[in-house]
């Protein structure tokens, strides 16, 4: 294993080719599967811009990795933002998007027809290392390689890179195995130690892909707590996912009425509902019945800056 100490600037340059934003899934997890290759260590004083933070002390960057025919190798950076040393297992899991935007493990989907809609990339990915120990404020990159079989159907394949925290051995406590084997201890009990994970998508595109995005069912809603929101359903057709920022604007307002960044719609769903809180500083006259609002979905993936759709709706 070869190691080197890098600055944040150099580390960001190493992963810069794949720094495309996306939303993430953060979850408690229990197990992981792994493979092999080489690793690079790096020192860091703060998370790089655009890093994804989870429920624990780990950040991942970039937020989203896209691999295509021009480049079959990618890297993901891990950053331990705490002052204590952390141990992490690295895995690649298959997940499915639901119509409300939630991600669930594919193994939890009982319907075979739904499972078949997910084109998983996990069997075509190799990554290294399998396990990482990071001191406080330390970063390291994980190398990911894609190997596609000959004759693979054109389209988009996806799995999710997952970094899972591993609790220190001294947190495990007196186990059931100790009791069965006759080991002595002051007490026998159950100690729950959470293992949190954070994930980002790894998207593998093969050949030519297509995408058409649209919108329906736009409306003003009341969110829990009484705040107003804008709810829309993004529609998708074609062989690749959409990903970008959704902005709701009103003529005469100098700021968006509502904004959601990093909204993705994966190929296994034809539509996804998105609800955005209204900016409390926006004048409420722009939300009165009869007012016209414009919803714009801007690409931040395949052709950054391009408009995926822009559509007006009248507040009811």
C-alpha atoms as a PDB file:
ATOM      1  CA  UNK A   1       0.000   0.000   0.000  1.00  0.00           C
ATOM      2  CA  UNK A   2       1.401   3.363  -1.025  1.00  0.00           C
ATOM      3  CA  UNK A   3       0.601   6.474   1.033  1.00  0.00           C
ATOM      4  CA  UNK A   4       1.209  10.198   0.648  1.00  0.00           C
ATOM      5  CA  UNK A   5       0.291  13.385   2.496  1.00  0.00           C
ATOM      6  CA  UNK A   6      -1.723  15.853   0.430  1.00  0.00           C
ATOM      7  CA  UNK A   7      -3.196  19.301   0.916  1.00  0.00           C
ATOM      8  CA  UNK A   8      -6.930  19.838   0.548  1.00  0.00           C
ATOM      9  CA  UNK A   9      -6.335  21.583  -2.784  1.00  0.00           C
ATOM     10  CA  UNK A  10      -4.453  18.613  -4.219  1.00  0.00           C
ATOM     11  CA  UNK A  11      -6.925  16.113  -2.808  1.00  0.00           C
ATOM     12  CA  UNK A  12      -9.823  17.987  -4.355  1.00  0.00           C
ATOM     13  CA  UNK A  13      -8.003  18.027  -7.676  1.00  0.00           C
ATOM     14  CA  UNK A  14      -7.644  14.252  -7.530  1.00  0.00           C
ATOM     15  CA  UNK A  15     -11.385  13.775  -7.201  1.00  0.00           C
ATOM     16  CA  UNK A  16     -12.446  16.890  -9.079  1.00  0.00           C
ATOM     17  CA  UNK A  17     -13.364  15.058 -12.278  1.00  0.00           C
ATOM     18  CA  UNK A  18     -16.170  13.375 -10.432  1.00  0.00           C
ATOM     19  CA  UNK A  19     -17.365  16.253  -8.229  1.00  0.00           C
ATOM     20  CA  UNK A  20     -20.970  16.284  -9.405  1.00  0.00           C
ATOM     21  CA  UNK A  21     -23.524  17.006  -6.654  1.00  0.00           C
ATOM     22  CA  UNK A  22     -26.297  14.790  -5.494  1.00  0.00           C
ATOM     23  CA  UNK A  23     -28.604  13.954  -2.678  1.00  0.00           C
ATOM     24  CA  UNK A  24     -27.685  11.225  -0.345  1.00  0.00           C
ATOM     25  CA  UNK A  25     -29.090   8.514   1.883  1.00  0.00           C
ATOM     26  CA  UNK A  26     -28.037   8.462   5.524  1.00  0.00           C
ATOM     27  CA  UNK A  27     -28.919   5.363   7.535  1.00  0.00           C
ATOM     28  CA  UNK A  28     -27.990   3.024  10.358  1.00  0.00           C
ATOM     29  CA  UNK A  29     -26.500  -0.144   8.845  1.00  0.00           C
ATOM     30  CA  UNK A  30     -25.234  -3.445  10.127  1.00  0.00           C
ATOM     31  CA  UNK A  31     -23.047  -5.168   7.536  1.00  0.00           C
ATOM     32  CA  UNK A  32     -20.937  -4.531   4.431  1.00  0.00           C
ATOM     33  CA  UNK A  33     -19.305  -6.364   1.548  1.00  0.00           C
ATOM     34  CA  UNK A  34     -15.893  -5.383   0.143  1.00  0.00           C
ATOM     35  CA  UNK A  35     -13.044  -5.964  -2.375  1.00  0.00           C
ATOM     36  CA  UNK A  36      -9.406  -4.817  -3.022  1.00  0.00           C
ATOM     37  CA  UNK A  37      -6.807  -2.358  -4.496  1.00  0.00           C
ATOM     38  CA  UNK A  38      -4.627   0.583  -3.356  1.00  0.00           C
ATOM     39  CA  UNK A  39      -5.216   3.646  -1.155  1.00  0.00           C
ATOM     40  CA  UNK A  40      -3.994   7.215  -0.598  1.00  0.00           C
ATOM     41  CA  UNK A  41      -3.908   9.012   2.743  1.00  0.00           C
ATOM     42  CA  UNK A  42      -4.349  12.762   3.122  1.00  0.00           C
ATOM     43  CA  UNK A  43      -4.356  15.317   5.939  1.00  0.00           C
ATOM     44  CA  UNK A  44      -7.196  17.845   6.150  1.00  0.00           C
ATOM     45  CA  UNK A  45      -8.225  20.577   8.573  1.00  0.00           C
ATOM     46  CA  UNK A  46     -11.875  20.867   7.478  1.00  0.00           C
ATOM     47  CA  UNK A  47     -14.310  19.076   5.133  1.00  0.00           C
ATOM     48  CA  UNK A  48     -13.888  20.058   1.469  1.00  0.00           C
ATOM     49  CA  UNK A  49     -16.623  22.270  -0.026  1.00  0.00           C
ATOM     50  CA  UNK A  50     -19.549  20.159  -1.188  1.00  0.00           C
ATOM     51  CA  UNK A  51     -18.853  17.264   1.177  1.00  0.00           C
ATOM     52  CA  UNK A  52     -21.808  15.173   2.326  1.00  0.00           C
ATOM     53  CA  UNK A  53     -22.259  14.891   6.085  1.00  0.00           C
ATOM     54  CA  UNK A  54     -24.097  12.101   7.844  1.00  0.00           C
ATOM     55  CA  UNK A  55     -25.391  11.293  11.316  1.00  0.00           C
ATOM     56  CA  UNK A  56     -21.908  10.402  12.541  1.00  0.00           C
ATOM     57  CA  UNK A  57     -18.546  12.138  12.208  1.00  0.00           C
ATOM     58  CA  UNK A  58     -17.789  11.181   8.600  1.00  0.00           C
ATOM     59  CA  UNK A  59     -18.040  13.269   5.447  1.00  0.00           C
ATOM     60  CA  UNK A  60     -17.938  11.936   1.886  1.00  0.00           C
ATOM     61  CA  UNK A  61     -17.013  13.884  -1.219  1.00  0.00           C
ATOM     62  CA  UNK A  62     -18.085  14.323  -3.923  1.00  0.00           C
ATOM     63  CA  UNK A  63     -21.822  13.980  -3.346  1.00  0.00           C
ATOM     64  CA  UNK A  64     -22.254  11.875  -6.464  1.00  0.00           C
ATOM     65  CA  UNK A  65     -20.020   9.830  -8.770  1.00  0.00           C
ATOM     66  CA  UNK A  66     -20.728   9.302 -12.472  1.00  0.00           C
ATOM     67  CA  UNK A  67     -18.613   6.861 -14.474  1.00  0.00           C
ATOM     68  CA  UNK A  68     -18.899   6.572 -18.256  1.00  0.00           C
ATOM     69  CA  UNK A  69     -17.000   5.149 -21.224  1.00  0.00           C
ATOM     70  CA  UNK A  70     -14.418   7.948 -21.099  1.00  0.00           C
ATOM     71  CA  UNK A  71     -13.296   7.119 -17.569  1.00  0.00           C
ATOM     72  CA  UNK A  72     -13.721   3.825 -15.752  1.00  0.00           C
ATOM     73  CA  UNK A  73     -11.897   4.813 -12.557  1.00  0.00           C
ATOM     74  CA  UNK A  74     -13.252   7.158  -9.895  1.00  0.00           C
ATOM     75  CA  UNK A  75     -12.373   8.175  -6.349  1.00  0.00           C
ATOM     76  CA  UNK A  76     -14.395   9.022  -3.262  1.00  0.00           C
ATOM     77  CA  UNK A  77     -12.868  10.974  -0.391  1.00  0.00           C
ATOM     78  CA  UNK A  78     -13.586  10.203   3.263  1.00  0.00           C
ATOM     79  CA  UNK A  79     -13.053  12.866   5.935  1.00  0.00           C
ATOM     80  CA  UNK A  80     -13.245  12.299   9.698  1.00  0.00           C
ATOM     81  CA  UNK A  81     -14.491  15.615  11.074  1.00  0.00           C
ATOM     82  CA  UNK A  82     -14.201  14.579  14.725  1.00  0.00           C
ATOM     83  CA  UNK A  83     -11.146  14.820  16.985  1.00  0.00           C
ATOM     84  CA  UNK A  84     -11.197  11.078  17.742  1.00  0.00           C
ATOM     85  CA  UNK A  85      -9.972   8.230  15.532  1.00  0.00           C
ATOM     86  CA  UNK A  86     -12.722   6.520  13.555  1.00  0.00           C
ATOM     87  CA  UNK A  87     -12.853   3.108  11.876  1.00  0.00           C
ATOM     88  CA  UNK A  88     -15.030   2.567   8.830  1.00  0.00           C
ATOM     89  CA  UNK A  89     -16.041  -0.337   6.623  1.00  0.00           C
ATOM     90  CA  UNK A  90     -16.504   0.394   2.919  1.00  0.00           C
ATOM     91  CA  UNK A  91     -19.327  -1.276   0.991  1.00  0.00           C
ATOM     92  CA  UNK A  92     -21.320  -0.941  -2.210  1.00  0.00           C
ATOM     93  CA  UNK A  93     -25.067  -1.586  -1.797  1.00  0.00           C
ATOM     94  CA  UNK A  94     -27.944  -1.808  -4.246  1.00  0.00           C
ATOM     95  CA  UNK A  95     -30.845   0.518  -3.466  1.00  0.00           C
ATOM     96  CA  UNK A  96     -34.177   1.432  -5.004  1.00  0.00           C
ATOM     97  CA  UNK A  97     -35.857   4.841  -5.177  1.00  0.00           C
ATOM     98  CA  UNK A  98     -39.534   5.072  -4.251  1.00  0.00           C
ATOM     99  CA  UNK A  99     -42.031   7.520  -5.715  1.00  0.00           C
ATOM    100  CA  UNK A 100     -41.657   9.807  -2.678  1.00  0.00           C
ATOM    101  CA  UNK A 101     -37.872  10.026  -3.184  1.00  0.00           C
ATOM    102  CA  UNK A 102     -36.869   7.682  -0.355  1.00  0.00           C
ATOM    103  CA  UNK A 103     -34.164   5.089  -0.944  1.00  0.00           C
ATOM    104  CA  UNK A 104     -34.527   1.542   0.384  1.00  0.00           C
ATOM    105  CA  UNK A 105     -32.194  -1.448   0.233  1.00  0.00           C
ATOM    106  CA  UNK A 106     -33.066  -3.548  -2.795  1.00  0.00           C
ATOM    107  CA  UNK A 107     -33.150  -6.708  -0.681  1.00  0.00           C
ATOM    108  CA  UNK A 108     -36.081  -5.197   1.233  1.00  0.00           C
ATOM    109  CA  UNK A 109     -38.202  -4.902  -1.935  1.00  0.00           C
ATOM    110  CA  UNK A 110     -40.479  -7.943  -2.084  1.00  0.00           C
ATOM    111  CA  UNK A 111     -42.104  -7.340  -5.480  1.00  0.00           C
ATOM    112  CA  UNK A 112     -39.963  -9.041  -8.195  1.00  0.00           C
ATOM    113  CA  UNK A 113     -41.318  -6.689 -10.882  1.00  0.00           C
ATOM    114  CA  UNK A 114     -40.139  -3.671  -8.907  1.00  0.00           C
ATOM    115  CA  UNK A 115     -36.740  -5.234  -8.239  1.00  0.00           C
ATOM    116  CA  UNK A 116     -36.221  -5.843 -11.948  1.00  0.00           C
ATOM    117  CA  UNK A 117     -36.591  -2.131 -12.653  1.00  0.00           C
ATOM    118  CA  UNK A 118     -33.333  -1.446 -10.809  1.00  0.00           C
ATOM    119  CA  UNK A 119     -30.218  -1.866 -12.955  1.00  0.00           C
ATOM    120  CA  UNK A 120     -27.592  -2.519 -10.302  1.00  0.00           C
ATOM    121  CA  UNK A 121     -23.914  -1.730 -10.905  1.00  0.00           C
ATOM    122  CA  UNK A 122     -22.486  -3.539  -7.872  1.00  0.00           C
ATOM    123  CA  UNK A 123     -21.270  -6.633  -9.745  1.00  0.00           C
ATOM    124  CA  UNK A 124     -19.320  -4.395 -12.141  1.00  0.00           C
ATOM    125  CA  UNK A 125     -17.582  -2.327  -9.445  1.00  0.00           C
ATOM    126  CA  UNK A 126     -14.335  -2.979  -7.565  1.00  0.00           C
ATOM    127  CA  UNK A 127     -13.216  -0.711  -4.749  1.00  0.00           C
ATOM    128  CA  UNK A 128     -10.378  -0.413  -2.289  1.00  0.00           C
ATOM    129  CA  UNK A 129      -9.569  -0.407   0.602  1.00  0.00           C
ATOM    130  CA  UNK A 130     -12.057  -2.564   2.468  1.00  0.00           C
ATOM    131  CA  UNK A 131     -11.597  -0.840   5.796  1.00  0.00           C
ATOM    132  CA  UNK A 132     -10.258   2.580   6.785  1.00  0.00           C
ATOM    133  CA  UNK A 133      -8.957   4.029  10.059  1.00  0.00           C
ATOM    134  CA  UNK A 134      -8.896   7.839  10.139  1.00  0.00           C
ATOM    135  CA  UNK A 135      -7.438  10.032  12.863  1.00  0.00           C
ATOM    136  CA  UNK A 136      -9.291  13.208  13.760  1.00  0.00           C
ATOM    137  CA  UNK A 137      -9.373  15.724  10.867  1.00  0.00           C
ATOM    138  CA  UNK A 138      -7.810  13.159   8.522  1.00  0.00           C
ATOM    139  CA  UNK A 139      -8.955  12.316   4.996  1.00  0.00           C
ATOM    140  CA  UNK A 140      -8.406   9.409   2.626  1.00  0.00           C
ATOM    141  CA  UNK A 141      -9.543   8.478  -0.862  1.00  0.00           C
ATOM    142  CA  UNK A 142     -11.161   5.220  -1.958  1.00  0.00           C
ATOM    143  CA  UNK A 143     -10.506   4.051  -5.494  1.00  0.00           C
ATOM    144  CA  UNK A 144     -13.426   2.658  -7.518  1.00  0.00           C
ATOM    145  CA  UNK A 145     -13.023   0.754 -10.785  1.00  0.00           C
ATOM    146  CA  UNK A 146     -15.789  -0.237 -13.222  1.00  0.00           C
ATOM    147  CA  UNK A 147     -15.504  -3.307 -15.430  1.00  0.00           C
ATOM    148  CA  UNK A 148     -18.379  -3.827 -17.849  1.00  0.00           C
ATOM    149  CA  UNK A 149     -18.925  -7.168 -19.602  1.00  0.00           C
ATOM    150  CA  UNK A 150     -18.890  -7.286 -23.418  1.00  0.00           C
ATOM    151  CA  UNK A 151     -22.244  -6.644 -25.034  1.00  0.00           C
ATOM    152  CA  UNK A 152     -23.768  -4.952 -21.976  1.00  0.00           C
ATOM    153  CA  UNK A 153     -27.027  -3.208 -22.857  1.00  0.00           C
ATOM    154  CA  UNK A 154     -26.766   0.576 -23.146  1.00  0.00           C
ATOM    155  CA  UNK A 155     -28.256   2.491 -20.245  1.00  0.00           C
ATOM    156  CA  UNK A 156     -27.630   3.623 -16.704  1.00  0.00           C
ATOM    157  CA  UNK A 157     -26.592   1.281 -13.892  1.00  0.00           C
ATOM    158  CA  UNK A 158     -26.348   2.364 -10.269  1.00  0.00           C
ATOM    159  CA  UNK A 159     -25.262   1.243  -6.825  1.00  0.00           C
ATOM    160  CA  UNK A 160     -24.479   3.186  -3.657  1.00  0.00           C
ATOM    161  CA  UNK A 161     -21.086   3.664  -2.007  1.00  0.00           C
ATOM    162  CA  UNK A 162     -21.500   3.237   1.754  1.00  0.00           C
ATOM    163  CA  UNK A 163     -19.066   4.049   4.566  1.00  0.00           C
ATOM    164  CA  UNK A 164     -20.107   2.385   7.844  1.00  0.00           C
ATOM    165  CA  UNK A 165     -18.760   3.331  11.266  1.00  0.00           C
ATOM    166  CA  UNK A 166     -17.198   0.479  13.249  1.00  0.00           C
ATOM    167  CA  UNK A 167     -17.432   0.918  17.050  1.00  0.00           C
ATOM    168  CA  UNK A 168     -14.237   0.474  19.100  1.00  0.00           C
ATOM    169  CA  UNK A 169     -13.731  -2.967  20.614  1.00  0.00           C
ATOM    170  CA  UNK A 170     -14.101  -1.598  24.153  1.00  0.00           C
ATOM    171  CA  UNK A 171     -17.680  -0.521  23.365  1.00  0.00           C
ATOM    172  CA  UNK A 172     -18.815  -4.061  22.621  1.00  0.00           C
ATOM    173  CA  UNK A 173     -19.062  -5.015  26.330  1.00  0.00           C
ATOM    174  CA  UNK A 174     -19.826  -8.411  27.835  1.00  0.00           C
ATOM    175  CA  UNK A 175     -21.400 -10.464  25.039  1.00  0.00           C
ATOM    176  CA  UNK A 176     -23.807 -13.386  24.894  1.00  0.00           C
ATOM    177  CA  UNK A 177     -20.906 -15.492  23.572  1.00  0.00           C
ATOM    178  CA  UNK A 178     -18.999 -14.723  26.789  1.00  0.00           C
ATOM    179  CA  UNK A 179     -21.897 -15.992  28.849  1.00  0.00           C
ATOM    180  CA  UNK A 180     -22.332 -19.181  26.790  1.00  0.00           C
ATOM    181  CA  UNK A 181     -18.625 -19.964  27.033  1.00  0.00           C
ATOM    182  CA  UNK A 182     -18.589 -19.474  30.784  1.00  0.00           C
ATOM    183  CA  UNK A 183     -16.589 -16.249  30.860  1.00  0.00           C
ATOM    184  CA  UNK A 184     -17.089 -14.255  34.006  1.00  0.00           C
ATOM    185  CA  UNK A 185     -18.311 -10.699  34.127  1.00  0.00           C
ATOM    186  CA  UNK A 186     -19.889  -8.347  36.636  1.00  0.00           C
ATOM    187  CA  UNK A 187     -23.241  -8.375  34.856  1.00  0.00           C
ATOM    188  CA  UNK A 188     -24.901  -9.822  31.808  1.00  0.00           C
ATOM    189  CA  UNK A 189     -26.893  -7.351  29.784  1.00  0.00           C
ATOM    190  CA  UNK A 190     -27.551  -5.914  26.375  1.00  0.00           C
ATOM    191  CA  UNK A 191     -25.633  -2.906  25.101  1.00  0.00           C
ATOM    192  CA  UNK A 192     -26.801  -1.296  21.858  1.00  0.00           C
ATOM    193  CA  UNK A 193     -24.008   0.362  19.905  1.00  0.00           C
ATOM    194  CA  UNK A 194     -25.277   2.190  16.788  1.00  0.00           C
ATOM    195  CA  UNK A 195     -23.368   1.778  13.527  1.00  0.00           C
ATOM    196  CA  UNK A 196     -24.178   4.697  11.291  1.00  0.00           C
ATOM    197  CA  UNK A 197     -23.516   4.813   7.585  1.00  0.00           C
ATOM    198  CA  UNK A 198     -23.552   7.475   4.922  1.00  0.00           C
ATOM    199  CA  UNK A 199     -23.933   6.774   1.211  1.00  0.00           C
ATOM    200  CA  UNK A 200     -23.646   8.432  -2.182  1.00  0.00           C
ATOM    201  CA  UNK A 201     -24.716   7.043  -5.567  1.00  0.00           C
ATOM    202  CA  UNK A 202     -22.249   5.569  -8.028  1.00  0.00           C
ATOM    203  CA  UNK A 203     -23.741   5.852 -11.517  1.00  0.00           C
ATOM    204  CA  UNK A 204     -22.330   3.850 -14.413  1.00  0.00           C
ATOM    205  CA  UNK A 205     -23.479   4.942 -17.864  1.00  0.00           C
ATOM    206  CA  UNK A 206     -23.002   2.627 -20.821  1.00  0.00           C
ATOM    207  CA  UNK A 207     -23.451   3.801 -24.412  1.00  0.00           C
ATOM    208  CA  UNK A 208     -26.001   6.439 -25.400  1.00  0.00           C
ATOM    209  CA  UNK A 209     -28.649   7.398 -22.840  1.00  0.00           C
ATOM    210  CA  UNK A 210     -31.798   9.502 -23.107  1.00  0.00           C
ATOM    211  CA  UNK A 211     -33.844  11.659 -20.752  1.00  0.00           C
ATOM    212  CA  UNK A 212     -37.036  13.714 -20.911  1.00  0.00           C
ATOM    213  CA  UNK A 213     -38.200  15.541 -17.768  1.00  0.00           C
ATOM    214  CA  UNK A 214     -41.495  17.219 -17.004  1.00  0.00           C
ATOM    215  CA  UNK A 215     -43.777  18.300 -14.170  1.00  0.00           C
ATOM    216  CA  UNK A 216     -47.349  17.826 -12.975  1.00  0.00           C
ATOM    217  CA  UNK A 217     -49.528  18.380  -9.888  1.00  0.00           C
ATOM    218  CA  UNK A 218     -47.881  21.630  -8.751  1.00  0.00           C
ATOM    219  CA  UNK A 219     -49.625  23.203  -5.768  1.00  0.00           C
ATOM    220  CA  UNK A 220     -49.155  25.233  -2.597  1.00  0.00           C
ATOM    221  CA  UNK A 221     -49.413  23.082   0.549  1.00  0.00           C
ATOM    222  CA  UNK A 222     -49.229  23.573   4.294  1.00  0.00           C
ATOM    223  CA  UNK A 223     -46.354  21.726   5.945  1.00  0.00           C
ATOM    224  CA  UNK A 224     -46.297  20.316   9.486  1.00  0.00           C
ATOM    225  CA  UNK A 225     -45.862  23.274  11.806  1.00  0.00           C
ATOM    226  CA  UNK A 226     -47.876  25.586   9.586  1.00  0.00           C
ATOM    227  CA  UNK A 227     -45.189  26.690   7.113  1.00  0.00           C
ATOM    228  CA  UNK A 228     -46.219  26.927   3.467  1.00  0.00           C
ATOM    229  CA  UNK A 229     -44.576  24.748   0.850  1.00  0.00           C
ATOM    230  CA  UNK A 230     -44.625  23.996  -2.858  1.00  0.00           C
ATOM    231  CA  UNK A 231     -45.304  20.409  -3.885  1.00  0.00           C
ATOM    232  CA  UNK A 232     -44.652  19.121  -7.409  1.00  0.00           C
ATOM    233  CA  UNK A 233     -44.277  15.778  -9.141  1.00  0.00           C
ATOM    234  CA  UNK A 234     -41.277  15.504 -11.456  1.00  0.00           C
ATOM    235  CA  UNK A 235     -41.811  13.100 -14.344  1.00  0.00           C
ATOM    236  CA  UNK A 236     -39.034  11.227 -16.133  1.00  0.00           C
ATOM    237  CA  UNK A 237     -38.781   9.220 -19.335  1.00  0.00           C
ATOM    238  CA  UNK A 238     -35.734   7.638 -20.963  1.00  0.00           C
ATOM    239  CA  UNK A 239     -32.774   5.495 -19.937  1.00  0.00           C
ATOM    240  CA  UNK A 240     -30.946   7.769 -17.494  1.00  0.00           C
ATOM    241  CA  UNK A 241     -31.682   9.600 -14.264  1.00  0.00           C
ATOM    242  CA  UNK A 242     -32.262  13.301 -13.882  1.00  0.00           C
ATOM    243  CA  UNK A 243     -30.422  15.360 -11.304  1.00  0.00           C
ATOM    244  CA  UNK A 244     -30.370  19.065 -10.599  1.00  0.00           C
ATOM    245  CA  UNK A 245     -31.847  22.031  -8.735  1.00  0.00           C
ATOM    246  CA  UNK A 246     -35.536  22.938  -8.596  1.00  0.00           C
ATOM    247  CA  UNK A 247     -36.401  26.632  -8.224  1.00  0.00           C
ATOM    248  CA  UNK A 248     -39.856  28.159  -7.863  1.00  0.00           C
ATOM    249  CA  UNK A 249     -39.925  31.811  -8.899  1.00  0.00           C
ATOM    250  CA  UNK A 250     -42.506  34.588  -9.172  1.00  0.00           C
ATOM    251  CA  UNK A 251     -42.427  37.603 -11.429  1.00  0.00           C
ATOM    252  CA  UNK A 252     -41.581  40.629  -9.288  1.00  0.00           C
ATOM    253  CA  UNK A 253     -39.804  38.667  -6.548  1.00  0.00           C
ATOM    254  CA  UNK A 254     -36.058  39.239  -6.285  1.00  0.00           C
ATOM    255  CA  UNK A 255     -35.473  35.782  -4.770  1.00  0.00           C
ATOM    256  CA  UNK A 256     -36.846  32.278  -5.360  1.00  0.00           C
ATOM    257  CA  UNK A 257     -40.099  31.495  -3.615  1.00  0.00           C
ATOM    258  CA  UNK A 258     -38.766  27.996  -2.892  1.00  0.00           C
ATOM    259  CA  UNK A 259     -35.588  26.101  -3.777  1.00  0.00           C
ATOM    260  CA  UNK A 260     -34.415  22.488  -3.606  1.00  0.00           C
ATOM    261  CA  UNK A 261     -30.875  21.542  -4.610  1.00  0.00           C
ATOM    262  CA  UNK A 262     -29.610  18.158  -5.700  1.00  0.00           C
ATOM    263  CA  UNK A 263     -32.939  16.578  -6.649  1.00  0.00           C
ATOM    264  CA  UNK A 264     -32.572  13.260  -8.439  1.00  0.00           C
ATOM    265  CA  UNK A 265     -35.076  10.963 -10.145  1.00  0.00           C
ATOM    266  CA  UNK A 266     -33.649   7.502 -10.826  1.00  0.00           C
ATOM    267  CA  UNK A 267     -34.593   5.304 -13.807  1.00  0.00           C
ATOM    268  CA  UNK A 268     -36.590   2.793 -11.743  1.00  0.00           C
ATOM    269  CA  UNK A 269     -39.293   5.431 -11.135  1.00  0.00           C
ATOM    270  CA  UNK A 270     -41.227   7.383 -13.747  1.00  0.00           C
ATOM    271  CA  UNK A 271     -42.015  10.193 -11.320  1.00  0.00           C
ATOM    272  CA  UNK A 272     -41.044  11.542  -7.923  1.00  0.00           C
ATOM    273  CA  UNK A 273     -42.869  13.901  -5.604  1.00  0.00           C
ATOM    274  CA  UNK A 274     -40.843  16.836  -4.250  1.00  0.00           C
ATOM    275  CA  UNK A 275     -42.001  19.252  -1.536  1.00  0.00           C
ATOM    276  CA  UNK A 276     -40.068  22.457  -0.876  1.00  0.00           C
ATOM    277  CA  UNK A 277     -40.615  24.876   2.030  1.00  0.00           C
ATOM    278  CA  UNK A 278     -41.433  28.415   0.982  1.00  0.00           C
ATOM    279  CA  UNK A 279     -38.832  31.026   1.912  1.00  0.00           C
ATOM    280  CA  UNK A 280     -40.399  32.784   4.932  1.00  0.00           C
ATOM    281  CA  UNK A 281     -39.011  36.115   3.716  1.00  0.00           C
ATOM    282  CA  UNK A 282     -40.961  35.950   0.436  1.00  0.00           C
ATOM    283  CA  UNK A 283     -43.986  38.260   0.214  1.00  0.00           C
ATOM    284  CA  UNK A 284     -47.139  36.161   0.725  1.00  0.00           C
ATOM    285  CA  UNK A 285     -48.899  37.976  -2.125  1.00  0.00           C
ATOM    286  CA  UNK A 286     -46.938  35.742  -4.500  1.00  0.00           C
ATOM    287  CA  UNK A 287     -48.750  32.737  -2.998  1.00  0.00           C
ATOM    288  CA  UNK A 288     -52.293  34.071  -3.161  1.00  0.00           C
ATOM    289  CA  UNK A 289     -54.886  32.264  -5.343  1.00  0.00           C
ATOM    290  CA  UNK A 290     -54.550  33.408  -8.937  1.00  0.00           C
ATOM    291  CA  UNK A 291     -50.821  34.156  -8.672  1.00  0.00           C
ATOM    292  CA  UNK A 292     -48.576  32.563 -11.294  1.00  0.00           C
ATOM    293  CA  UNK A 293     -45.407  30.725 -10.255  1.00  0.00           C
ATOM    294  CA  UNK A 294     -42.715  29.201 -12.469  1.00  0.00           C
ATOM    295  CA  UNK A 295     -40.975  25.930 -11.646  1.00  0.00           C
ATOM    296  CA  UNK A 296     -37.563  25.385 -13.282  1.00  0.00           C
ATOM    297  CA  UNK A 297     -35.499  22.203 -13.062  1.00  0.00           C
ATOM    298  CA  UNK A 298     -31.850  22.899 -13.957  1.00  0.00           C
ATOM    299  CA  UNK A 299     -29.471  20.074 -14.854  1.00  0.00           C
ATOM    300  CA  UNK A 300     -26.402  19.569 -12.650  1.00  0.00           C
ATOM    301  CA  UNK A 301     -25.308  16.284 -14.166  1.00  0.00           C
ATOM    302  CA  UNK A 302     -25.298  15.380 -17.859  1.00  0.00           C
ATOM    303  CA  UNK A 303     -25.278  18.976 -19.190  1.00  0.00           C
ATOM    304  CA  UNK A 304     -24.787  21.287 -16.201  1.00  0.00           C
ATOM    305  CA  UNK A 305     -26.758  24.512 -16.523  1.00  0.00           C
ATOM    306  CA  UNK A 306     -29.208  23.188 -19.110  1.00  0.00           C
ATOM    307  CA  UNK A 307     -32.930  23.531 -18.386  1.00  0.00           C
ATOM    308  CA  UNK A 308     -34.611  20.155 -17.960  1.00  0.00           C
ATOM    309  CA  UNK A 309     -38.008  21.848 -17.819  1.00  0.00           C
ATOM    310  CA  UNK A 310     -39.565  25.228 -16.981  1.00  0.00           C
ATOM    311  CA  UNK A 311     -43.297  25.336 -16.412  1.00  0.00           C
ATOM    312  CA  UNK A 312     -45.839  27.813 -15.011  1.00  0.00           C
ATOM    313  CA  UNK A 313     -48.704  27.018 -12.685  1.00  0.00           C
ATOM    314  CA  UNK A 314     -51.470  29.115 -11.163  1.00  0.00           C
ATOM    315  CA  UNK A 315     -51.960  29.026  -7.395  1.00  0.00           C
ATOM    316  CA  UNK A 316     -55.387  27.643  -6.529  1.00  0.00           C
END
